[in-house]
Amino acid sequence: MKKVITYGTFDLIHSGHIHLLRRAKALGDYLIVAVSTDEFNQIKHKEAYHSFADRKLILEAIQYVDEVIGEDNWEQKVTDVKDHDIDIFVMGDDWTGEFDFLKEQCEVVYLPRTEGISTTKIKNDLSIND
């Protein structure tokens, strides 16, 4: 069985997230999604609208996702790849090159982002319409 993992905050789920998850799942048999915990988002100075528990619940309902785990720190990726027997590590191409150090442990794939959609854009659009 080929295992794939990807990471993100996955707040305000949108079509770009779904496209990423679908393409990640197509690379293997089992997709693990590591979601930034609320505490990790604070460290990253990133604010999510939905709590970790809600983001995890939403992701677990998506047909492409087999398992959802929490991400607590930047260093966790190395241990996750080992502990979960990961074959392919997937991230959006805005991270190209950032995780190449994992190539010693698994294949690293950077998928193109969906044009014209992002959580940041949605948040900005909503604040304009207030």
Protein backbone atom coordinates (compact mmCIF):
# COMPACT_ATOMS: atom_id res chain seq x y z
CA MET A 1 0.00 0.00 0.00
CA LYS A 2 1.35 3.41 -1.03
CA LYS A 3 0.87 6.07 1.68
CA VAL A 4 0.69 9.80 0.99
CA ILE A 5 0.78 12.69 3.47
CA THR A 6 0.04 16.39 3.13
CA TYR A 7 -0.06 19.30 5.59
CA GLY A 8 -1.99 22.49 6.06
CA THR A 9 -4.33 24.59 8.13
CA PHE A 10 -7.33 23.73 5.93
CA ASP A 11 -9.46 26.57 7.22
CA LEU A 12 -12.52 27.64 5.20
CA ILE A 13 -12.43 24.55 2.98
CA HIS A 14 -12.74 25.53 -0.70
CA SER A 15 -12.35 24.00 -4.16
CA GLY A 16 -8.57 24.49 -4.09
CA HIS A 17 -8.34 22.28 -1.00
CA ILE A 18 -10.53 19.63 -2.62
CA HIS A 19 -8.43 19.63 -5.82
CA LEU A 20 -5.24 19.26 -3.76
CA LEU A 21 -6.68 16.40 -1.70
CA ARG A 22 -8.02 14.62 -4.80
CA ARG A 23 -4.67 14.86 -6.61
CA ALA A 24 -2.74 13.81 -3.48
CA LYS A 25 -4.98 10.77 -3.00
CA ALA A 26 -4.52 9.81 -6.69
CA LEU A 27 -0.78 9.42 -6.03
CA GLY A 28 -1.31 6.52 -3.63
CA ASP A 29 -3.73 4.28 -1.77
CA TYR A 30 -3.99 5.98 1.62
CA LEU A 31 -4.00 9.73 2.31
CA ILE A 32 -3.08 11.19 5.68
CA VAL A 33 -3.80 14.88 6.20
CA ALA A 34 -1.86 16.62 8.97
CA VAL A 35 -3.78 19.68 10.16
CA SER A 36 -2.17 22.52 12.08
CA THR A 37 -3.45 22.58 15.64
CA ASP A 38 -4.72 25.82 17.13
CA GLU A 39 -1.56 26.02 19.26
CA PHE A 40 0.71 25.55 16.22
CA ASN A 41 -1.22 28.23 14.32
CA GLN A 42 -0.53 30.63 17.21
CA ILE A 43 3.20 29.87 16.91
CA LYS A 44 2.97 30.58 13.16
CA HIS A 45 1.01 33.80 13.85
CA LYS A 46 -1.82 32.39 11.76
CA GLU A 47 -5.45 32.72 12.77
CA ALA A 48 -8.00 30.13 11.63
CA TYR A 49 -11.72 30.80 11.69
CA HIS A 50 -12.55 27.18 12.57
CA SER A 51 -11.07 25.35 15.55
CA PHE A 52 -8.75 22.40 15.05
CA ALA A 53 -11.55 20.03 16.11
CA ASP A 54 -13.91 21.48 13.48
CA ARG A 55 -11.27 21.48 10.72
CA LYS A 56 -10.44 17.85 11.56
CA LEU A 57 -14.13 16.88 11.49
CA ILE A 58 -14.64 18.55 8.09
CA LEU A 59 -11.56 16.86 6.59
CA GLU A 60 -12.61 13.45 7.91
CA ALA A 61 -15.85 13.81 5.92
CA ILE A 62 -14.03 14.30 2.60
CA GLN A 63 -13.94 11.13 0.51
CA TYR A 64 -10.27 11.45 -0.46
CA VAL A 65 -9.03 11.60 3.14
CA ASP A 66 -8.31 8.35 4.98
CA GLU A 67 -6.86 9.75 8.21
CA VAL A 68 -6.44 13.15 9.87
CA ILE A 69 -3.72 13.88 12.41
CA GLY A 70 -2.69 17.05 14.21
CA GLU A 71 0.46 18.98 13.38
CA ASP A 72 2.05 20.55 16.46
CA ASN A 73 5.41 21.80 15.17
CA TRP A 74 7.59 22.27 12.08
CA GLU A 75 9.90 19.35 12.94
CA GLN A 76 7.02 16.86 13.07
CA LYS A 77 7.16 16.21 9.31
CA VAL A 78 10.34 14.16 9.63
CA THR A 79 8.92 11.91 12.34
CA ASP A 80 5.51 11.63 10.64
CA VAL A 81 7.11 10.33 7.44
CA LYS A 82 8.94 7.68 9.43
CA ASP A 83 6.22 6.80 11.95
CA HIS A 84 3.46 6.52 9.33
CA ASP A 85 5.58 4.72 6.70
CA ILE A 86 5.02 7.47 4.14
CA ASP A 87 5.92 6.91 0.49
CA ILE A 88 4.97 10.33 -0.88
CA PHE A 89 5.01 13.75 0.81
CA VAL A 90 2.76 16.30 -0.96
CA MET A 91 2.55 20.08 -0.66
CA GLY A 92 1.31 22.94 -2.82
CA ASP A 93 3.86 24.37 -5.24
CA ASP A 94 4.09 27.59 -3.26
CA TRP A 95 6.34 25.48 -0.99
CA THR A 96 8.59 24.22 -3.83
CA GLY A 97 12.01 23.24 -2.52
CA GLU A 98 11.15 23.81 1.16
CA PHE A 99 10.80 20.12 1.96
CA ASP A 100 13.39 18.62 -0.38
CA PHE A 101 15.31 17.45 2.71
CA LEU A 102 12.63 14.72 3.02
CA LYS A 103 13.71 13.20 -0.32
CA GLU A 104 16.10 10.95 1.62
CA GLN A 105 13.05 9.36 3.30
CA CYS A 106 10.34 9.48 0.62
CA GLU A 107 9.26 11.00 -2.68
CA VAL A 108 8.42 14.72 -2.42
CA VAL A 109 5.78 16.16 -4.78
CA TYR A 110 4.75 19.81 -5.11
CA LEU A 111 1.31 20.13 -6.73
CA PRO A 112 0.17 23.27 -8.56
CA ARG A 113 -2.25 25.47 -6.62
CA THR A 114 -5.75 26.09 -7.96
CA GLU A 115 -5.75 29.46 -9.73
CA GLY A 116 -7.89 32.25 -8.31
CA ILE A 117 -8.81 30.68 -4.96
CA SER A 118 -7.21 30.74 -1.54
CA THR A 119 -8.29 31.04 2.05
CA THR A 120 -6.57 34.43 2.23
CA LYS A 121 -8.54 35.64 -0.81
CA ILE A 122 -11.81 34.43 0.72
CA LYS A 123 -11.05 36.21 4.00
CA ASN A 124 -10.13 39.41 2.14
CA ASP A 125 -13.25 39.23 -0.03
CA LEU A 126 -15.45 38.74 3.03
CA SER A 127 -13.94 41.68 4.87
CA ILE A 128 -14.55 43.93 1.86
CA ASN A 129 -18.22 42.94 1.85
CA ASP A 130 -18.85 43.78 5.53
